[in-house]
């Protein structure tokens, strides 16, 4: 009777938890666009004719991400899609935990997922690839568990769905293979510990593999039909990442090490660290298949965040689905007093972070928005611009496209280190109307900076300095320039 009553109350708990998360996240809907948000929206909305990977632009991301951007169209819509992805993720981890631990496990998993989805230091104010993958990953967990339940009928069907969802997450961000890791470890653990279940595990692995391969092939074929070939995708998603990793390593500065320290501190102080340690301890002690699989995902996602070499805070969001599931699975392994203390501590830390960000909102992206707004007010609708190096959120705020295919600094440093392509753009028939120096043309150790400066002097003239950024206008073009802002973020 108690179990039935607890299960009956679960929808109410989920509704309240998700409602609170939505209310908090809506407070950040108007935050200035991030570099990735603006850049991905530009690439997705322009995907069509052109001689680069995605029409006129190039980015080292799979095609489903760009389809989502094309579907969103605007920044507000994209953030609402990101919020929807978090809602789906909360429901997915709750379902997965429910299958293993019942209503109590589902409540803990949903509470953890909702809480982490409001943590500003995980970059939740902006929609990124990790967030868009979260729903697919969480429901992949749930379907894999469903397929491997002892008395589940037609186990191949949820396994097939789990494979499709795993492919979807890979088609958004190629490094997020959490669903595959979870399914592989869970199937192996079940087969190892339960000889009678080996046939079921084999069926699940086979069906999941079929779902994954078919969905992945469908995504690649659909991208090819839109002009992005499989060979180009392989070069961008695999070959480029290897080359870019070396560029990141050789160009690392003191700021890179500082970001690593912040990343580790956030991991430790947010509750993710304790969950990881608890999952490791329980996995080694009890060797329960679902706990083993969950810890394997936590370990894999942690390695992905660290080995990437850039150490951005939003990488930690990849840990949220597995960590929330672990909270649901392991809550009963901690004494009630310790559980309450840790819960209160985590809520207090995240609430303090949330309060601080509301009272003193971070200014990240505000300068780019100011410069972009000035460009929009000073330019014509048909104008184009190049921002050196990166900062596509300037272009997004300006409402201008770019004739240069690389919208981020890493592709420039990896694929155009001597600025041959950029020089061709500046001296070609489709040269940009505006050129914005964000950090100087000689930053990042670019080897072609001297030549670029000469080409700028020949073809452009300095017309303004907006928030410390020099703005050039093509010679022969006349524009009515907007007043330069007296105060900058």
Protein backbone atom coordinates (compact mmCIF):
# COMPACT_ATOMS: atom_id res chain seq x y z
CA UNK A 1 0.00 0.00 0.00
CA UNK A 2 2.83 2.41 0.87
CA UNK A 3 4.57 1.59 -2.41
CA UNK A 4 1.36 2.16 -4.37
CA UNK A 5 0.78 5.48 -2.60
CA UNK A 6 4.38 6.54 -3.27
CA UNK A 7 4.04 5.66 -6.96
CA UNK A 8 0.76 7.58 -7.19
CA UNK A 9 2.42 10.69 -5.77
CA UNK A 10 5.39 10.51 -8.15
CA UNK A 11 3.72 12.47 -11.02
CA UNK A 12 2.96 15.33 -8.61
CA UNK A 13 6.57 15.37 -7.41
CA UNK A 14 7.86 15.35 -10.99
CA UNK A 15 5.52 18.17 -11.98
CA UNK A 16 6.62 20.37 -9.09
CA UNK A 17 10.30 19.63 -9.61
CA UNK A 18 10.23 20.25 -13.34
CA UNK A 19 8.06 23.34 -12.86
CA UNK A 20 10.59 24.85 -10.48
CA UNK A 21 13.41 24.13 -12.93
CA UNK A 22 11.51 25.76 -15.78
CA UNK A 23 10.71 28.85 -13.71
CA UNK A 24 14.38 29.33 -12.81
CA UNK A 25 15.63 28.75 -16.33
CA UNK A 26 13.17 31.23 -17.82
CA UNK A 27 14.88 33.94 -15.78
CA UNK A 28 17.94 33.59 -18.02
CA UNK A 29 16.13 33.55 -21.35
CA UNK A 30 17.40 37.03 -22.25
CA UNK A 31 21.08 36.40 -21.50
CA UNK A 32 23.34 37.58 -24.39
CA UNK A 33 24.10 34.91 -26.96
CA UNK A 34 27.14 32.74 -26.42
CA UNK A 35 29.73 32.20 -29.12
CA UNK A 36 28.59 28.66 -29.83
CA UNK A 37 24.90 29.52 -29.81
CA UNK A 38 25.33 32.36 -32.29
CA UNK A 39 27.79 30.47 -34.47
CA UNK A 40 25.78 27.25 -34.65
CA UNK A 41 22.62 29.23 -35.45
CA UNK A 42 24.46 30.97 -38.30
CA UNK A 43 25.73 27.69 -39.69
CA UNK A 44 22.40 25.90 -39.34
CA UNK A 45 20.34 28.72 -40.83
CA UNK A 46 22.73 29.08 -43.80
CA UNK A 47 23.20 25.35 -44.51
CA UNK A 48 22.68 25.08 -48.24
CA UNK A 49 24.65 26.30 -51.24
CA UNK A 50 28.35 26.85 -50.70
CA UNK A 51 31.71 25.15 -51.03
CA UNK A 52 32.43 24.58 -47.33
CA UNK A 53 31.28 21.74 -45.05
CA UNK A 54 27.86 23.20 -44.28
CA UNK A 55 27.32 25.45 -47.28
CA UNK A 56 29.13 28.75 -46.64
CA UNK A 57 30.49 27.77 -43.20
CA UNK A 58 32.67 25.09 -41.61
CA UNK A 59 32.35 23.67 -38.11
CA UNK A 60 33.55 20.42 -36.55
CA UNK A 61 30.12 19.24 -35.44
CA UNK A 62 27.76 16.51 -36.71
CA UNK A 63 24.70 17.30 -38.82
CA UNK A 64 21.85 16.72 -36.33
CA UNK A 65 23.10 19.67 -34.28
CA UNK A 66 22.81 21.90 -37.35
CA UNK A 67 19.34 20.61 -38.15
CA UNK A 68 18.26 21.56 -34.63
CA UNK A 69 19.75 25.02 -35.15
CA UNK A 70 17.96 25.35 -38.47
CA UNK A 71 14.71 24.30 -36.80
CA UNK A 72 15.20 26.79 -33.96
CA UNK A 73 15.95 29.74 -36.22
CA UNK A 74 16.26 32.23 -33.38
CA UNK A 75 18.13 32.41 -30.09
CA UNK A 76 14.95 32.39 -28.00
CA UNK A 77 13.62 29.30 -29.76
CA UNK A 78 16.97 27.57 -29.34
CA UNK A 79 16.95 28.19 -25.59
CA UNK A 80 13.41 26.88 -25.31
CA UNK A 81 14.53 23.75 -27.15
CA UNK A 82 17.41 23.45 -24.68
CA UNK A 83 14.95 23.77 -21.81
CA UNK A 84 12.76 21.08 -23.38
CA UNK A 85 15.80 18.83 -23.65
CA UNK A 86 16.34 19.22 -19.89
CA UNK A 87 12.71 18.37 -19.15
CA UNK A 88 13.01 15.23 -21.28
CA UNK A 89 16.25 14.37 -19.50
CA UNK A 90 14.65 14.67 -16.05
CA UNK A 91 11.84 12.34 -17.10
CA UNK A 92 14.32 9.92 -18.65
CA UNK A 93 16.54 9.54 -15.58
CA UNK A 94 13.43 9.29 -13.39
CA UNK A 95 12.15 6.45 -15.56
CA UNK A 96 15.51 4.68 -15.49
CA UNK A 97 15.79 4.96 -11.72
CA UNK A 98 12.17 3.87 -11.28
CA UNK A 99 12.81 0.64 -13.15
CA UNK A 100 15.60 -0.25 -10.72
CA UNK A 101 14.74 1.42 -7.39
CA UNK A 102 11.06 2.28 -7.66
CA UNK A 103 9.41 5.64 -6.80
CA UNK A 104 12.01 6.70 -4.24
CA UNK A 105 14.86 6.27 -6.69
CA UNK A 106 12.90 8.14 -9.34
CA UNK A 107 12.35 11.08 -7.00
CA UNK A 108 16.04 11.37 -6.13
CA UNK A 109 17.10 11.07 -9.77
CA UNK A 110 14.57 13.67 -10.94
CA UNK A 111 15.48 16.06 -8.12
CA UNK A 112 19.19 15.80 -8.91
CA UNK A 113 18.65 16.24 -12.65
CA UNK A 114 16.41 19.27 -12.14
CA UNK A 115 18.79 20.82 -9.63
CA UNK A 116 21.83 20.39 -11.87
CA UNK A 117 19.83 21.80 -14.80
CA UNK A 118 19.60 25.13 -12.98
CA UNK A 119 23.31 25.35 -12.10
CA UNK A 120 24.68 28.47 -13.76
CA UNK A 121 28.26 27.22 -13.57
CA UNK A 122 27.37 24.31 -15.90
CA UNK A 123 26.50 26.87 -18.58
CA UNK A 124 22.77 26.14 -18.45
CA UNK A 125 21.85 29.71 -19.39
CA UNK A 126 22.97 28.82 -22.91
CA UNK A 127 22.04 25.89 -25.07
CA UNK A 128 24.99 23.71 -25.99
CA UNK A 129 25.57 20.27 -27.48
CA UNK A 130 25.81 18.57 -24.09
CA UNK A 131 22.38 19.89 -23.15
CA UNK A 132 20.76 18.92 -26.44
CA UNK A 133 22.14 15.38 -26.05
CA UNK A 134 20.93 14.96 -22.46
CA UNK A 135 17.41 13.79 -23.26
CA UNK A 136 18.62 11.22 -25.78
CA UNK A 137 21.21 9.92 -23.31
CA UNK A 138 18.77 9.66 -20.39
CA UNK A 139 16.10 7.81 -22.31
CA UNK A 140 18.78 5.58 -23.79
CA UNK A 141 19.59 4.56 -20.21
CA UNK A 142 15.93 3.86 -19.50
CA UNK A 143 15.35 1.80 -22.65
CA UNK A 144 18.51 -0.24 -22.12
CA UNK A 145 17.46 -1.07 -18.55
CA UNK A 146 13.96 -1.92 -19.79
CA UNK A 147 15.38 -4.28 -22.40
CA UNK A 148 17.49 -6.15 -19.84
CA UNK A 149 14.78 -6.59 -17.20
CA UNK A 150 14.29 -10.32 -16.50
CA UNK A 151 10.64 -10.46 -17.50
CA UNK A 152 10.51 -7.80 -20.21
CA UNK A 153 8.68 -8.83 -23.36
CA UNK A 154 10.29 -8.29 -26.76
CA UNK A 155 13.59 -6.95 -25.35
CA UNK A 156 14.82 -6.21 -28.84
CA UNK A 157 12.33 -3.36 -29.20
CA UNK A 158 13.57 -1.05 -26.39
CA UNK A 159 17.14 -2.07 -27.29
CA UNK A 160 16.53 -0.92 -30.84
CA UNK A 161 15.23 2.39 -29.53
CA UNK A 162 18.24 2.78 -27.24
CA UNK A 163 20.55 2.31 -30.23
CA UNK A 164 18.71 4.97 -32.20
CA UNK A 165 18.94 7.42 -29.28
CA UNK A 166 22.67 6.72 -28.88
CA UNK A 167 23.16 7.56 -32.55
CA UNK A 168 21.18 10.79 -32.12
CA UNK A 169 23.50 11.98 -29.36
CA UNK A 170 26.53 11.17 -31.54
CA UNK A 171 24.95 13.10 -34.40
CA UNK A 172 24.75 16.15 -32.13
CA UNK A 173 28.22 15.92 -30.60
CA UNK A 174 30.54 13.17 -31.76
CA UNK A 175 32.22 12.64 -28.39
CA UNK A 176 28.98 11.93 -26.51
CA UNK A 177 28.68 8.15 -26.76
CA UNK A 178 27.37 7.75 -23.22
CA UNK A 179 24.47 5.57 -24.36
CA UNK A 180 26.84 3.12 -26.02
CA UNK A 181 29.08 2.97 -22.95
CA UNK A 182 26.11 2.36 -20.65
CA UNK A 183 24.57 -0.35 -22.86
CA UNK A 184 27.86 -2.17 -23.43
CA UNK A 185 28.86 -2.26 -19.75
CA UNK A 186 25.36 -3.17 -18.56
CA UNK A 187 24.98 -6.01 -21.09
CA UNK A 188 28.40 -7.44 -20.30
CA UNK A 189 27.83 -7.21 -16.53
CA UNK A 190 24.42 -8.89 -16.77
CA UNK A 191 25.78 -11.65 -18.99
CA UNK A 192 28.78 -12.18 -16.69
CA UNK A 193 26.80 -12.32 -13.47
CA UNK A 194 23.66 -14.04 -14.76
CA UNK A 195 24.43 -16.90 -17.17
CA UNK A 196 20.72 -17.47 -17.76
CA UNK A 197 20.43 -13.92 -19.13
CA UNK A 198 23.23 -14.18 -21.69
CA UNK A 199 20.87 -14.84 -24.58
CA UNK A 200 18.81 -11.79 -23.65
CA UNK A 201 21.99 -9.69 -23.36
CA UNK A 202 23.12 -10.86 -26.81
CA UNK A 203 19.74 -9.95 -28.30
CA UNK A 204 19.89 -6.51 -26.67
CA UNK A 205 23.41 -5.84 -27.97
CA UNK A 206 22.50 -6.98 -31.47
CA UNK A 207 19.28 -4.94 -31.63
CA UNK A 208 20.98 -1.88 -30.14
CA UNK A 209 23.79 -2.13 -32.67
CA UNK A 210 21.31 -2.34 -35.53
CA UNK A 211 19.42 0.71 -34.24
CA UNK A 212 22.63 2.67 -33.81
CA UNK A 213 24.07 1.82 -37.25
CA UNK A 214 20.82 2.42 -39.12
CA UNK A 215 20.16 5.77 -37.39
CA UNK A 216 23.76 6.91 -37.89
CA UNK A 217 23.72 5.92 -41.55
CA UNK A 218 20.39 7.71 -42.03
CA UNK A 219 21.80 10.90 -40.53
CA UNK A 220 24.91 10.77 -42.68
CA UNK A 221 22.88 10.05 -45.82
CA UNK A 222 20.48 12.91 -45.07
CA UNK A 223 23.43 15.27 -44.63
CA UNK A 224 24.88 14.08 -47.95
CA UNK A 225 21.56 14.87 -49.64
CA UNK A 226 21.94 18.42 -48.33
CA UNK A 227 25.49 18.76 -49.68
CA UNK A 228 27.66 17.57 -46.78
CA UNK A 229 29.48 14.40 -47.87
CA UNK A 230 30.49 11.51 -45.56
CA UNK A 231 34.17 12.10 -46.40
CA UNK A 232 33.89 15.75 -45.39
CA UNK A 233 32.17 14.77 -42.15
CA UNK A 234 34.89 12.25 -41.31
CA UNK A 235 37.55 14.86 -41.96
CA UNK A 236 35.79 17.40 -39.73
CA UNK A 237 34.75 15.09 -36.89
CA UNK A 238 37.80 12.82 -36.69
CA UNK A 239 40.82 14.10 -38.59
CA UNK A 240 40.35 17.72 -37.61
CA UNK A 241 39.86 16.87 -33.93
CA UNK A 242 43.22 15.11 -33.85
CA UNK A 243 44.95 18.06 -35.49
CA UNK A 244 43.11 20.58 -33.33
CA UNK A 245 44.12 18.72 -30.17
CA UNK A 246 47.75 19.34 -31.00
CA UNK A 247 47.03 23.01 -31.70
CA UNK A 248 45.29 23.34 -28.32
CA UNK A 249 48.22 21.67 -26.57
CA UNK A 250 50.89 23.85 -28.17
CA UNK A 251 48.97 27.11 -27.76
CA UNK A 252 47.88 26.58 -24.14
CA UNK A 253 48.35 29.63 -21.91
CA UNK A 254 48.04 30.33 -18.20
CA UNK A 255 44.32 30.86 -18.76
CA UNK A 256 44.00 27.23 -19.83
CA UNK A 257 45.40 26.00 -16.52
CA UNK A 258 43.15 28.39 -14.63
CA UNK A 259 40.10 27.01 -16.44
CA UNK A 260 41.15 23.48 -15.45
CA UNK A 261 41.33 24.51 -11.79
CA UNK A 262 37.89 26.13 -12.01
CA UNK A 263 36.51 23.04 -13.75
CA UNK A 264 37.81 20.71 -11.05
CA UNK A 265 36.59 23.02 -8.28
CA UNK A 266 33.14 23.15 -9.85
CA UNK A 267 33.09 19.37 -10.17
CA UNK A 268 34.02 18.98 -6.52
CA UNK A 269 31.76 21.69 -5.08
CA UNK A 270 28.64 21.11 -7.16
CA UNK A 271 27.88 17.61 -5.89
CA UNK A 272 29.11 15.85 -9.01
CA UNK A 273 32.33 14.91 -7.27
CA UNK A 274 30.61 13.26 -4.31
CA UNK A 275 28.27 11.33 -6.60
CA UNK A 276 31.24 10.08 -8.65
CA UNK A 277 33.08 8.90 -5.53
CA UNK A 278 29.95 7.23 -4.14
CA UNK A 279 29.27 5.53 -7.47
CA UNK A 280 32.84 4.24 -7.64
CA UNK A 281 32.63 2.90 -4.08
CA UNK A 282 29.28 1.18 -4.62
CA UNK A 283 30.30 -0.22 -7.99
CA UNK A 284 33.43 -1.79 -6.49
CA UNK A 285 31.61 -3.02 -3.38
CA UNK A 286 28.37 -4.39 -4.78
CA UNK A 287 29.11 -4.81 -8.48
CA UNK A 288 25.46 -4.31 -9.35
CA UNK A 289 25.25 -4.19 -13.18
CA UNK A 290 23.29 -0.92 -13.41
CA UNK A 291 25.60 0.80 -10.93
CA UNK A 292 28.65 -0.47 -12.82
CA UNK A 293 27.24 0.87 -16.10
CA UNK A 294 26.35 4.22 -14.54
CA UNK A 295 29.80 4.65 -13.04
CA UNK A 296 31.38 3.72 -16.38
CA UNK A 297 29.51 6.58 -18.02
CA UNK A 298 30.53 9.01 -15.25
CA UNK A 299 34.17 7.99 -15.67
CA UNK A 300 33.97 8.25 -19.46
CA UNK A 301 32.27 11.66 -19.43
CA UNK A 302 34.78 12.95 -16.87
CA UNK A 303 37.64 11.82 -19.09
CA UNK A 304 36.05 13.50 -22.08
CA UNK A 305 35.77 16.80 -20.19
CA UNK A 306 39.41 16.71 -19.11
CA UNK A 307 41.06 15.25 -22.21
CA UNK A 308 39.46 17.84 -24.50
CA UNK A 309 42.08 20.29 -23.29
CA UNK A 310 39.87 23.41 -23.26
CA UNK A 311 38.17 22.89 -19.87
CA UNK A 312 35.01 24.92 -20.42
CA UNK A 313 32.45 24.67 -17.62
CA UNK A 314 29.59 23.50 -19.83
CA UNK A 315 31.50 20.25 -20.50
CA UNK A 316 30.39 19.14 -17.03
CA UNK A 317 26.78 19.04 -18.18
CA UNK A 318 27.60 15.79 -19.97
CA UNK A 319 27.91 14.28 -16.49
CA UNK A 320 24.41 15.30 -15.42
CA UNK A 321 22.28 12.41 -16.81
CA UNK A 322 24.53 9.67 -15.40
CA UNK A 323 25.14 11.54 -12.13
CA UNK A 324 21.41 12.12 -11.62
CA UNK A 325 20.73 8.44 -12.30
CA UNK A 326 23.46 7.53 -9.80
CA UNK A 327 21.77 9.75 -7.21
CA UNK A 328 18.57 7.80 -7.69
CA UNK A 329 20.27 4.42 -7.57
CA UNK A 330 22.48 5.12 -4.57
CA UNK A 331 20.44 7.36 -2.29
CA UNK A 332 19.54 4.38 -0.12
CA UNK A 333 23.23 3.51 0.26
CA UNK A 334 23.88 6.63 2.35
CA UNK A 335 22.61 7.13 5.89
CA UNK A 336 19.63 9.42 6.18
CA UNK A 337 21.58 11.98 8.20
CA UNK A 338 24.47 12.13 5.71
CA UNK A 339 22.05 12.13 2.78
CA UNK A 340 20.15 15.06 4.24
CA UNK A 341 23.34 16.98 5.00
CA UNK A 342 24.71 16.47 1.50
CA UNK A 343 21.40 17.37 -0.07
CA UNK A 344 21.13 20.57 1.95
CA UNK A 345 24.75 21.46 1.15
CA UNK A 346 24.29 20.93 -2.59
CA UNK A 347 21.04 22.89 -2.69
CA UNK A 348 22.59 25.72 -0.66
CA UNK A 349 25.67 25.97 -2.89
CA UNK A 350 23.65 25.95 -6.09
CA UNK A 351 21.11 28.40 -4.63
CA UNK A 352 23.92 30.76 -3.64
CA UNK A 353 25.36 30.54 -7.13
CA UNK A 354 21.94 31.15 -8.63
CA UNK A 355 21.26 34.13 -6.36
CA UNK A 356 24.62 35.66 -7.18
CA UNK A 357 24.06 35.35 -10.93
CA UNK A 358 20.64 37.00 -10.63
CA UNK A 359 21.92 39.86 -8.46
CA UNK A 360 25.14 40.36 -10.44
CA UNK A 361 24.60 38.81 -13.88
CA UNK A 362 27.81 37.72 -15.63
CA UNK A 363 28.88 40.01 -18.45
CA UNK A 364 30.10 37.22 -20.73
CA UNK A 365 28.81 37.98 -24.20
CA UNK A 366 27.64 41.48 -23.34
CA UNK A 367 30.58 43.17 -25.08
CA UNK A 368 29.99 41.12 -28.23
CA UNK A 369 26.33 42.12 -28.14
CA UNK A 370 27.26 45.80 -27.80
CA UNK A 371 29.72 45.70 -30.71
CA UNK A 372 27.27 43.74 -32.85
CA UNK A 373 24.46 46.14 -32.08
CA UNK A 374 26.67 49.07 -33.15
CA UNK A 375 27.45 47.29 -36.43
CA UNK A 376 23.77 46.65 -37.08
CA UNK A 377 22.87 50.29 -36.43
CA UNK A 378 25.74 51.51 -38.62
CA UNK A 379 25.41 49.12 -41.53
CA UNK A 380 23.05 48.26 -44.34
CA UNK A 381 20.97 45.07 -44.47
CA UNK A 382 23.18 43.60 -47.20
CA UNK A 383 26.47 44.21 -45.35
CA UNK A 384 28.77 41.37 -44.36
CA UNK A 385 31.50 41.22 -41.71
CA UNK A 386 34.47 39.25 -40.44
CA UNK A 387 35.46 39.19 -36.77
CA UNK A 388 39.07 38.18 -36.03
CA UNK A 389 39.32 35.65 -34.53
CA UNK A 390 36.02 34.04 -33.71
CA UNK A 391 33.22 35.77 -31.77
CA UNK A 392 30.30 34.78 -34.03
CA UNK A 393 27.97 36.30 -31.43
CA UNK A 394 29.09 39.71 -32.78
CA UNK A 395 27.81 38.68 -36.19
CA UNK A 396 24.62 37.31 -34.66
CA UNK A 397 23.90 40.59 -32.88
CA UNK A 398 24.75 42.52 -36.05
CA UNK A 399 22.51 40.33 -38.21
CA UNK A 400 25.34 39.99 -40.72
CA UNK A 401 26.73 36.95 -42.53
CA UNK A 402 30.43 36.32 -43.11
CA UNK A 403 32.22 35.45 -46.37
CA UNK A 404 34.93 33.72 -44.29
CA UNK A 405 33.96 30.08 -43.56
CA UNK A 406 35.63 29.84 -40.13
CA UNK A 407 33.60 31.45 -37.34
CA UNK A 408 35.73 30.22 -34.41
CA UNK A 409 39.42 30.65 -33.61
CA UNK A 410 40.29 26.94 -33.43
CA UNK A 411 39.45 26.20 -37.09
CA UNK A 412 41.40 29.31 -38.08
CA UNK A 413 44.48 28.22 -36.13
CA UNK A 414 44.22 24.65 -37.40
CA UNK A 415 43.03 24.99 -41.00
CA UNK A 416 44.14 28.51 -41.95
CA UNK A 417 47.18 29.24 -39.71
CA UNK A 418 48.92 31.40 -42.32
CA UNK A 419 45.63 33.20 -43.14
CA UNK A 420 45.76 32.32 -46.83
CA UNK A 421 42.01 31.78 -46.99
CA UNK A 422 41.26 34.95 -45.03
CA UNK A 423 43.57 36.99 -47.27
CA UNK A 424 41.76 35.64 -50.32
CA UNK A 425 38.45 36.70 -48.81
CA UNK A 426 39.64 40.23 -48.02
CA UNK A 427 41.04 40.76 -51.50
CA UNK A 428 38.35 38.87 -53.42
CA UNK A 429 35.13 40.00 -55.08
CA UNK A 430 33.02 39.06 -52.04
CA UNK A 431 35.12 40.85 -49.47
CA UNK A 432 33.33 41.78 -46.23
CA UNK A 433 31.98 45.27 -45.74
CA UNK A 434 33.23 45.36 -42.15
CA UNK A 435 36.26 43.92 -40.40
CA UNK A 436 36.42 43.77 -36.60
CA UNK A 437 39.62 43.23 -34.64
CA UNK A 438 38.64 41.45 -31.46
CA UNK A 439 42.06 40.63 -30.03
CA UNK A 440 44.36 41.98 -32.76
CA UNK A 441 45.34 40.33 -36.03
CA UNK A 442 48.63 39.15 -34.50
CA UNK A 443 47.01 37.21 -31.63
CA UNK A 444 47.20 33.41 -31.20
CA UNK A 445 50.65 33.39 -32.84
CA UNK A 446 49.16 33.64 -36.33
CA UNK A 447 51.95 33.58 -38.92
CA UNK A 448 50.25 35.61 -41.63
CA UNK A 449 49.48 38.65 -39.48
CA UNK A 450 51.91 41.03 -41.24
CA UNK A 451 50.45 40.31 -44.65
CA UNK A 452 46.94 40.66 -43.29
CA UNK A 453 47.72 44.06 -41.77
CA UNK A 454 49.02 45.30 -45.14
CA UNK A 455 45.89 44.07 -46.89
CA UNK A 456 43.73 45.79 -44.31
CA UNK A 457 45.59 49.09 -44.82
CA UNK A 458 45.14 48.78 -48.59
CA UNK A 459 41.47 47.78 -48.65
CA UNK A 460 39.96 49.14 -45.44
CA UNK A 461 40.01 52.16 -43.17
CA UNK A 462 39.53 52.41 -39.42
CA UNK A 463 36.22 54.05 -38.59
CA UNK A 464 35.59 53.38 -34.90
CA UNK A 465 36.77 51.76 -31.71
CA UNK A 466 33.82 50.14 -29.98
CA UNK A 467 34.42 48.75 -26.48
CA UNK A 468 38.12 48.53 -27.24
CA UNK A 469 37.59 46.68 -30.53
CA UNK A 470 38.82 48.32 -33.73
CA UNK A 471 36.28 48.39 -36.54
CA UNK A 472 37.33 48.74 -40.19
CA UNK A 473 35.12 49.68 -43.15
CA UNK A 474 35.91 48.70 -46.73
CA UNK A 475 37.33 51.56 -48.81
CA UNK A 476 34.79 52.89 -51.24
CA UNK A 477 31.91 52.20 -48.85
CA UNK A 478 30.16 55.01 -47.00
CA UNK A 479 27.97 54.44 -43.98
CA UNK A 480 26.21 56.66 -41.47
CA UNK A 481 27.95 55.53 -38.31
CA UNK A 482 26.00 55.16 -35.07
CA UNK A 483 27.36 56.89 -31.95
CA UNK A 484 29.99 54.85 -30.15
CA UNK A 485 28.71 53.72 -26.73
CA UNK A 486 30.25 55.75 -23.93
CA UNK A 487 30.02 52.85 -21.48
CA UNK A 488 30.78 49.23 -22.22
CA UNK A 489 30.06 46.04 -20.22
